[in-house]
Amino acid sequence: MELEEIYKEVILEHYQNPRNYGEIPYAHSSEGINPLCKVDGENPICGDAIYIQFLVEDDKLEDIKFTGVGCAISQASASIMTELVKGKSIEDIRSLIIRFKRIMEGKEDFTEDLGDLLAFEGIRRLPVRIKCVLLAWEVLLEGINKISKRAGG
């Protein structure tokens, strides 16, 4: 099987069986309610929409869920993203988002450490589909910025 076929299968697998899909139940911690952040975004040109909820505790993304509608690329990207960012620090997530955006813009190369994100390498040659790949990432960045402002950072 060719590498490009494997990547197509990765995208299809995440689209058909998305990870971290759904909503975070009302969450409590011993100190009270965890800081739940809700953000959404859409690409009006193609109709993709992503809704993300996440919990941050001690500057670490403890849980993340998404729902949405759209093409296989946008939904698979959201699924892969949630797997990669869960448990990471806010600063590490911000760095990953910036790096991935630069990669999709052709300013950096894909590297093996990106795991399932390598499935989007071929899409980089399709400028109209890059927005599909990046939608969830841009929505998460908006949410991280919102959380940072709330925390005064």
N, C-alpha and C. Protein backbone atom coordinates (compact mmCIF):
# COMPACT_ATOMS: atom_id res chain seq x y z
N MET A 1 0.85 -1.18 0.00
CA MET A 1 0.00 0.00 0.00
C MET A 1 0.90 1.24 0.00
N GLU A 2 0.55 2.21 -0.84
CA GLU A 2 1.33 3.43 -0.92
C GLU A 2 1.08 4.32 0.28
N LEU A 3 2.06 5.16 0.59
CA LEU A 3 1.97 6.05 1.73
C LEU A 3 0.75 6.96 1.64
N GLU A 4 0.48 7.48 0.46
CA GLU A 4 -0.67 8.37 0.29
C GLU A 4 -1.98 7.65 0.61
N GLU A 5 -2.08 6.37 0.26
CA GLU A 5 -3.27 5.58 0.59
C GLU A 5 -3.41 5.40 2.10
N ILE A 6 -2.29 5.17 2.76
CA ILE A 6 -2.31 5.03 4.22
C ILE A 6 -2.81 6.32 4.86
N TYR A 7 -2.32 7.45 4.36
CA TYR A 7 -2.76 8.74 4.90
C TYR A 7 -4.25 8.97 4.67
N LYS A 8 -4.76 8.58 3.52
CA LYS A 8 -6.19 8.69 3.25
C LYS A 8 -6.98 7.84 4.24
N GLU A 9 -6.45 6.66 4.55
CA GLU A 9 -7.11 5.79 5.51
C GLU A 9 -7.10 6.39 6.91
N VAL A 10 -6.02 7.06 7.29
CA VAL A 10 -5.95 7.72 8.60
C VAL A 10 -7.04 8.79 8.69
N ILE A 11 -7.16 9.60 7.65
CA ILE A 11 -8.18 10.65 7.65
C ILE A 11 -9.57 10.03 7.72
N LEU A 12 -9.82 9.01 6.92
CA LEU A 12 -11.13 8.35 6.92
C LEU A 12 -11.44 7.71 8.27
N GLU A 13 -10.44 7.09 8.88
CA GLU A 13 -10.63 6.47 10.19
C GLU A 13 -11.02 7.51 11.25
N HIS A 14 -10.32 8.64 11.27
CA HIS A 14 -10.64 9.69 12.25
C HIS A 14 -11.99 10.34 11.95
N TYR A 15 -12.36 10.41 10.68
CA TYR A 15 -13.66 10.97 10.31
C TYR A 15 -14.79 10.03 10.73
N GLN A 16 -14.64 8.74 10.48
CA GLN A 16 -15.69 7.78 10.80
C GLN A 16 -15.75 7.43 12.28
N ASN A 17 -14.61 7.51 12.96
CA ASN A 17 -14.53 7.18 14.39
C ASN A 17 -13.76 8.28 15.11
N PRO A 18 -14.35 9.47 15.20
CA PRO A 18 -13.61 10.60 15.79
C PRO A 18 -13.31 10.37 17.27
N ARG A 19 -12.12 10.77 17.65
CA ARG A 19 -11.71 10.69 19.04
C ARG A 19 -12.16 11.96 19.75
N ASN A 20 -12.52 11.82 21.02
CA ASN A 20 -12.90 12.96 21.86
C ASN A 20 -14.09 13.73 21.29
N TYR A 21 -15.02 13.02 20.66
CA TYR A 21 -16.20 13.65 20.09
C TYR A 21 -17.29 13.70 21.15
N GLY A 22 -17.96 14.82 21.26
CA GLY A 22 -19.06 14.97 22.21
C GLY A 22 -18.86 16.20 23.06
N GLU A 23 -19.49 16.19 24.22
CA GLU A 23 -19.41 17.33 25.12
C GLU A 23 -18.86 16.90 26.46
N ILE A 24 -18.19 17.82 27.12
CA ILE A 24 -17.68 17.56 28.46
C ILE A 24 -18.84 17.72 29.43
N PRO A 25 -19.09 16.71 30.25
CA PRO A 25 -20.15 16.86 31.24
C PRO A 25 -19.81 17.96 32.23
N TYR A 26 -20.80 18.53 32.81
CA TYR A 26 -20.58 19.56 33.81
C TYR A 26 -19.55 19.06 34.81
N ALA A 27 -18.43 19.75 34.91
CA ALA A 27 -17.29 19.23 35.67
C ALA A 27 -17.07 20.00 36.97
N HIS A 28 -16.73 19.27 37.99
CA HIS A 28 -16.42 19.87 39.30
C HIS A 28 -15.05 19.38 39.75
N SER A 29 -14.36 20.23 40.46
CA SER A 29 -13.12 19.81 41.11
C SER A 29 -13.30 20.05 42.60
N SER A 30 -12.33 19.66 43.39
CA SER A 30 -12.45 19.84 44.84
C SER A 30 -12.51 21.32 45.22
N GLU A 31 -11.94 22.20 44.37
CA GLU A 31 -11.97 23.63 44.66
C GLU A 31 -13.17 24.34 44.05
N GLY A 32 -14.00 23.62 43.33
CA GLY A 32 -15.14 24.25 42.68
C GLY A 32 -15.19 23.84 41.22
N ILE A 33 -15.78 24.67 40.44
CA ILE A 33 -15.97 24.34 39.03
C ILE A 33 -14.69 24.60 38.26
N ASN A 34 -14.27 23.61 37.46
CA ASN A 34 -13.10 23.78 36.59
C ASN A 34 -13.39 24.84 35.54
N PRO A 35 -12.35 25.51 35.06
CA PRO A 35 -12.55 26.51 34.02
C PRO A 35 -12.84 25.85 32.67
N LEU A 36 -14.13 25.78 32.33
CA LEU A 36 -14.55 25.19 31.07
C LEU A 36 -14.59 26.29 30.01
N CYS A 37 -13.89 26.06 28.92
CA CYS A 37 -13.88 27.03 27.83
C CYS A 37 -14.63 26.44 26.65
N LYS A 38 -15.51 27.24 26.07
CA LYS A 38 -16.27 26.83 24.89
C LYS A 38 -15.97 27.81 23.77
N VAL A 39 -15.57 27.28 22.62
CA VAL A 39 -15.29 28.12 21.44
C VAL A 39 -15.82 27.42 20.20
N ASP A 40 -16.14 28.22 19.21
CA ASP A 40 -16.60 27.63 17.97
C ASP A 40 -16.12 28.48 16.80
N GLY A 41 -16.13 27.87 15.66
CA GLY A 41 -15.73 28.58 14.45
C GLY A 41 -16.28 27.85 13.24
N GLU A 42 -16.33 28.59 12.15
CA GLU A 42 -16.82 27.97 10.93
C GLU A 42 -16.12 28.54 9.72
N ASN A 43 -16.16 27.77 8.67
CA ASN A 43 -15.65 28.20 7.38
C ASN A 43 -16.88 28.36 6.48
N PRO A 44 -17.36 29.60 6.35
CA PRO A 44 -18.61 29.82 5.60
C PRO A 44 -18.51 29.44 4.12
N ILE A 45 -17.32 29.39 3.59
CA ILE A 45 -17.16 29.05 2.18
C ILE A 45 -17.57 27.60 1.92
N CYS A 46 -17.19 26.69 2.83
CA CYS A 46 -17.50 25.28 2.59
C CYS A 46 -18.51 24.69 3.57
N GLY A 47 -18.86 25.42 4.61
CA GLY A 47 -19.86 24.94 5.56
C GLY A 47 -19.32 24.14 6.73
N ASP A 48 -18.00 24.02 6.86
CA ASP A 48 -17.43 23.32 8.00
C ASP A 48 -17.68 24.14 9.27
N ALA A 49 -17.99 23.45 10.36
CA ALA A 49 -18.17 24.11 11.65
C ALA A 49 -17.61 23.20 12.75
N ILE A 50 -16.92 23.81 13.69
CA ILE A 50 -16.31 23.07 14.81
C ILE A 50 -16.68 23.77 16.11
N TYR A 51 -17.07 22.98 17.09
CA TYR A 51 -17.39 23.47 18.43
C TYR A 51 -16.49 22.71 19.40
N ILE A 52 -15.71 23.44 20.17
CA ILE A 52 -14.73 22.81 21.06
C ILE A 52 -15.01 23.23 22.50
N GLN A 53 -14.91 22.27 23.40
CA GLN A 53 -14.96 22.52 24.83
C GLN A 53 -13.69 21.93 25.43
N PHE A 54 -13.10 22.66 26.35
CA PHE A 54 -11.93 22.09 27.03
C PHE A 54 -11.82 22.62 28.44
N LEU A 55 -11.14 21.80 29.25
CA LEU A 55 -10.89 22.14 30.65
C LEU A 55 -9.39 22.33 30.85
N VAL A 56 -9.04 23.41 31.52
CA VAL A 56 -7.64 23.68 31.84
C VAL A 56 -7.50 23.71 33.35
N GLU A 57 -6.51 22.99 33.84
CA GLU A 57 -6.22 23.01 35.27
C GLU A 57 -4.71 23.05 35.43
N ASP A 58 -4.23 23.97 36.24
CA ASP A 58 -2.79 24.15 36.46
C ASP A 58 -2.04 24.29 35.15
N ASP A 59 -2.56 25.12 34.26
CA ASP A 59 -1.95 25.44 32.97
C ASP A 59 -1.80 24.21 32.05
N LYS A 60 -2.62 23.20 32.29
CA LYS A 60 -2.57 21.98 31.48
C LYS A 60 -3.98 21.68 30.97
N LEU A 61 -4.07 21.31 29.70
CA LEU A 61 -5.36 20.96 29.12
C LEU A 61 -5.73 19.55 29.59
N GLU A 62 -6.66 19.49 30.52
CA GLU A 62 -7.02 18.22 31.16
C GLU A 62 -7.98 17.40 30.30
N ASP A 63 -8.91 18.07 29.62
CA ASP A 63 -9.89 17.36 28.81
C ASP A 63 -10.31 18.25 27.66
N ILE A 64 -10.66 17.62 26.55
CA ILE A 64 -11.11 18.35 25.37
C ILE A 64 -12.09 17.48 24.60
N LYS A 65 -13.14 18.11 24.12
CA LYS A 65 -14.14 17.44 23.30
C LYS A 65 -14.50 18.38 22.15
N PHE A 66 -14.95 17.78 21.06
CA PHE A 66 -15.41 18.60 19.95
C PHE A 66 -16.65 17.99 19.33
N THR A 67 -17.44 18.82 18.71
CA THR A 67 -18.52 18.39 17.84
C THR A 67 -18.43 19.27 16.61
N GLY A 68 -19.12 18.89 15.58
CA GLY A 68 -19.08 19.71 14.39
C GLY A 68 -19.67 19.00 13.19
N VAL A 69 -19.70 19.74 12.13
CA VAL A 69 -20.17 19.22 10.85
C VAL A 69 -19.18 19.68 9.79
N GLY A 70 -19.10 18.91 8.74
CA GLY A 70 -18.24 19.33 7.65
C GLY A 70 -17.59 18.16 6.96
N CYS A 71 -16.61 18.48 6.16
CA CYS A 71 -15.92 17.48 5.35
C CYS A 71 -15.07 16.56 6.22
N ALA A 72 -14.68 15.45 5.62
CA ALA A 72 -13.85 14.47 6.33
C ALA A 72 -12.54 15.10 6.81
N ILE A 73 -12.00 16.02 6.03
CA ILE A 73 -10.72 16.63 6.39
C ILE A 73 -10.84 17.47 7.65
N SER A 74 -11.86 18.32 7.73
CA SER A 74 -12.00 19.19 8.92
C SER A 74 -12.30 18.39 10.17
N GLN A 75 -13.14 17.38 10.05
CA GLN A 75 -13.51 16.59 11.21
C GLN A 75 -12.37 15.68 11.65
N ALA A 76 -11.64 15.10 10.71
CA ALA A 76 -10.48 14.27 11.06
C ALA A 76 -9.39 15.12 11.71
N SER A 77 -9.19 16.32 11.20
CA SER A 77 -8.19 17.21 11.78
C SER A 77 -8.53 17.53 13.23
N ALA A 78 -9.80 17.78 13.50
CA ALA A 78 -10.23 18.06 14.87
C ALA A 78 -9.99 16.85 15.78
N SER A 79 -10.28 15.66 15.28
CA SER A 79 -10.09 14.44 16.05
C SER A 79 -8.60 14.23 16.38
N ILE A 80 -7.76 14.37 15.37
CA ILE A 80 -6.32 14.20 15.58
C ILE A 80 -5.80 15.26 16.55
N MET A 81 -6.27 16.50 16.37
CA MET A 81 -5.83 17.59 17.22
C MET A 81 -6.13 17.28 18.69
N THR A 82 -7.34 16.80 18.98
CA THR A 82 -7.70 16.55 20.38
C THR A 82 -6.79 15.50 21.00
N GLU A 83 -6.41 14.50 20.22
CA GLU A 83 -5.49 13.48 20.74
C GLU A 83 -4.12 14.06 21.04
N LEU A 84 -3.67 14.96 20.19
CA LEU A 84 -2.32 15.51 20.35
C LEU A 84 -2.21 16.52 21.49
N VAL A 85 -3.28 17.24 21.78
CA VAL A 85 -3.16 18.32 22.76
C VAL A 85 -3.58 17.93 24.17
N LYS A 86 -4.35 16.88 24.32
CA LYS A 86 -4.83 16.47 25.64
C LYS A 86 -3.65 16.17 26.55
N GLY A 87 -3.64 16.82 27.71
CA GLY A 87 -2.59 16.60 28.70
C GLY A 87 -1.38 17.51 28.56
N LYS A 88 -1.35 18.31 27.52
CA LYS A 88 -0.20 19.21 27.29
C LYS A 88 -0.42 20.56 27.95
N SER A 89 0.68 21.27 28.17
CA SER A 89 0.59 22.63 28.73
C SER A 89 0.05 23.57 27.66
N ILE A 90 -0.52 24.66 28.11
CA ILE A 90 -1.07 25.66 27.20
C ILE A 90 0.02 26.20 26.28
N GLU A 91 1.21 26.42 26.79
CA GLU A 91 2.29 26.94 25.96
C GLU A 91 2.74 25.92 24.92
N ASP A 92 2.80 24.65 25.29
CA ASP A 92 3.15 23.61 24.31
C ASP A 92 2.09 23.51 23.22
N ILE A 93 0.84 23.65 23.60
CA ILE A 93 -0.25 23.60 22.62
C ILE A 93 -0.16 24.79 21.68
N ARG A 94 0.06 25.96 22.24
CA ARG A 94 0.19 27.17 21.40
C ARG A 94 1.34 26.99 20.39
N SER A 95 2.45 26.47 20.85
CA SER A 95 3.60 26.24 19.96
C SER A 95 3.27 25.23 18.87
N LEU A 96 2.56 24.16 19.23
CA LEU A 96 2.17 23.15 18.24
C LEU A 96 1.23 23.74 17.20
N ILE A 97 0.29 24.56 17.63
CA ILE A 97 -0.65 25.18 16.68
C ILE A 97 0.10 26.07 15.70
N ILE A 98 0.98 26.90 16.22
CA ILE A 98 1.75 27.81 15.36
C ILE A 98 2.61 27.00 14.40
N ARG A 99 3.24 25.97 14.90
CA ARG A 99 4.07 25.12 14.04
C ARG A 99 3.26 24.46 12.94
N PHE A 100 2.12 23.89 13.30
CA PHE A 100 1.29 23.19 12.32
C PHE A 100 0.77 24.16 11.26
N LYS A 101 0.39 25.36 11.68
CA LYS A 101 -0.06 26.36 10.70
C LYS A 101 1.07 26.69 9.73
N ARG A 102 2.29 26.85 10.24
CA ARG A 102 3.44 27.15 9.37
C ARG A 102 3.70 25.98 8.41
N ILE A 103 3.54 24.78 8.89
CA ILE A 103 3.73 23.61 8.03
C ILE A 103 2.69 23.59 6.91
N MET A 104 1.44 23.82 7.27
CA MET A 104 0.38 23.79 6.26
C MET A 104 0.53 24.94 5.26
N GLU A 105 1.14 26.03 5.69
CA GLU A 105 1.39 27.16 4.80
C GLU A 105 2.64 26.96 3.95
N GLY A 106 3.35 25.85 4.16
CA GLY A 106 4.56 25.55 3.39
C GLY A 106 5.80 26.24 3.89
N LYS A 107 5.75 26.80 5.10
CA LYS A 107 6.90 27.51 5.66
C LYS A 107 7.83 26.60 6.46
N GLU A 108 7.35 25.40 6.79
CA GLU A 108 8.14 24.38 7.48
C GLU A 108 7.77 23.04 6.88
N ASP A 109 8.58 22.04 7.13
CA ASP A 109 8.32 20.70 6.61
C ASP A 109 7.68 19.82 7.67
N PHE A 110 6.95 18.83 7.21
CA PHE A 110 6.41 17.81 8.11
C PHE A 110 7.57 16.99 8.66
N THR A 111 7.44 16.56 9.91
CA THR A 111 8.43 15.68 10.52
C THR A 111 7.70 14.51 11.18
N GLU A 112 8.41 13.42 11.37
CA GLU A 112 7.82 12.19 11.90
C GLU A 112 7.16 12.36 13.26
N ASP A 113 7.62 13.30 14.07
CA ASP A 113 7.09 13.47 15.41
C ASP A 113 5.64 13.98 15.42
N LEU A 114 5.09 14.31 14.26
CA LEU A 114 3.73 14.83 14.18
C LEU A 114 2.67 13.73 14.12
N GLY A 115 3.09 12.49 14.09
CA GLY A 115 2.16 11.37 14.13
C GLY A 115 1.12 11.43 13.02
N ASP A 116 -0.15 11.29 13.38
CA ASP A 116 -1.23 11.24 12.40
C ASP A 116 -1.38 12.54 11.60
N LEU A 117 -0.79 13.63 12.06
CA LEU A 117 -0.86 14.87 11.28
C LEU A 117 -0.16 14.72 9.93
N LEU A 118 0.72 13.74 9.80
CA LEU A 118 1.38 13.49 8.53
C LEU A 118 0.37 13.17 7.44
N ALA A 119 -0.82 12.73 7.82
CA ALA A 119 -1.87 12.42 6.85
C ALA A 119 -2.27 13.64 6.02
N PHE A 120 -1.99 14.83 6.53
CA PHE A 120 -2.40 16.05 5.84
C PHE A 120 -1.32 16.61 4.93
N GLU A 121 -0.20 15.91 4.79
CA GLU A 121 0.90 16.40 3.98
C GLU A 121 0.47 16.66 2.53
N GLY A 122 -0.27 15.75 1.95
CA GLY A 122 -0.71 15.93 0.57
C GLY A 122 -1.70 17.06 0.39
N ILE A 123 -2.45 17.36 1.43
CA ILE A 123 -3.46 18.42 1.35
C ILE A 123 -2.82 19.79 1.26
N ARG A 124 -1.59 19.88 1.72
CA ARG A 124 -0.86 21.15 1.65
C ARG A 124 -0.79 21.65 0.20
N ARG A 125 -0.86 20.74 -0.77
CA ARG A 125 -0.81 21.13 -2.18
C ARG A 125 -2.17 21.61 -2.70
N LEU A 126 -3.19 21.58 -1.85
CA LEU A 126 -4.54 21.98 -2.23
C LEU A 126 -4.96 23.19 -1.38
N PRO A 127 -4.59 24.40 -1.79
CA PRO A 127 -4.81 25.59 -0.96
C PRO A 127 -6.24 25.75 -0.44
N VAL A 128 -7.24 25.39 -1.21
CA VAL A 128 -8.62 25.57 -0.74
C VAL A 128 -8.96 24.62 0.40
N ARG A 129 -8.22 23.52 0.56
CA ARG A 129 -8.50 22.56 1.63
C ARG A 129 -7.70 22.83 2.90
N ILE A 130 -6.71 23.70 2.82
CA ILE A 130 -5.90 24.03 4.01
C ILE A 130 -6.78 24.63 5.10
N LYS A 131 -7.75 25.44 4.72
CA LYS A 131 -8.66 26.02 5.72
C LYS A 131 -9.45 24.93 6.44
N CYS A 132 -9.76 23.86 5.73
CA CYS A 132 -10.47 22.73 6.35
C CYS A 132 -9.60 22.09 7.43
N VAL A 133 -8.33 21.89 7.11
CA VAL A 133 -7.40 21.27 8.05
C VAL A 133 -7.19 22.16 9.27
N LEU A 134 -7.09 23.45 9.06
CA LEU A 134 -6.70 24.38 10.14
C LEU A 134 -7.87 24.90 10.98
N LEU A 135 -9.10 24.67 10.57
CA LEU A 135 -10.24 25.25 11.29
C LEU A 135 -10.22 24.91 12.78
N ALA A 136 -10.15 23.66 13.13
CA ALA A 136 -10.17 23.27 14.56
C ALA A 136 -8.99 23.86 15.31
N TRP A 137 -7.83 23.92 14.66
CA TRP A 137 -6.63 24.45 15.29
C TRP A 137 -6.78 25.94 15.59
N GLU A 138 -7.38 26.67 14.66
CA GLU A 138 -7.59 28.11 14.88
C GLU A 138 -8.63 28.35 15.96
N VAL A 139 -9.65 27.50 16.01
CA VAL A 139 -10.67 27.62 17.06
C VAL A 139 -10.04 27.34 18.42
N LEU A 140 -9.23 26.30 18.51
CA LEU A 140 -8.56 26.00 19.79
C LEU A 140 -7.65 27.14 20.21
N LEU A 141 -6.91 27.72 19.27
CA LEU A 141 -6.04 28.85 19.60
C LEU A 141 -6.85 30.02 20.16
N GLU A 142 -8.00 30.27 19.57
CA GLU A 142 -8.88 31.32 20.09
C GLU A 142 -9.28 31.01 21.53
N GLY A 143 -9.61 29.77 21.81
CA GLY A 143 -9.99 29.38 23.17
C GLY A 143 -8.84 29.49 24.15
N ILE A 144 -7.65 29.09 23.73
CA ILE A 144 -6.47 29.20 24.58
C ILE A 144 -6.18 30.67 24.90
N ASN A 145 -6.32 31.51 23.90
CA ASN A 145 -6.12 32.95 24.13
C ASN A 145 -7.16 33.50 25.10
N LYS A 146 -8.39 33.00 25.00
CA LYS A 146 -9.45 33.42 25.90
C LYS A 146 -9.13 33.01 27.34
N ILE A 147 -8.67 31.78 27.52
CA ILE A 147 -8.30 31.27 28.85
C ILE A 147 -7.13 32.07 29.42
N SER A 148 -6.15 32.35 28.58
CA SER A 148 -4.96 33.10 29.02
C SER A 148 -5.35 34.50 29.50
N LYS A 149 -6.25 35.14 28.78
CA LYS A 149 -6.72 36.47 29.20
C LYS A 149 -7.45 36.42 30.53
N ARG A 150 -8.27 35.35 30.68
CA ARG A 150 -9.00 35.17 31.93
C ARG A 150 -8.06 35.01 33.10
N ALA A 151 -6.95 34.31 32.85
CA ALA A 151 -5.97 34.05 33.92
C ALA A 151 -4.99 35.21 34.09
N GLY A 152 -5.12 36.22 33.22
CA GLY A 152 -4.24 37.38 33.33
C GLY A 152 -2.89 37.19 32.67
N GLY A 153 -2.77 36.21 31.75
CA GLY A 153 -1.49 35.94 31.12
C GLY A 153 -1.47 36.06 29.69
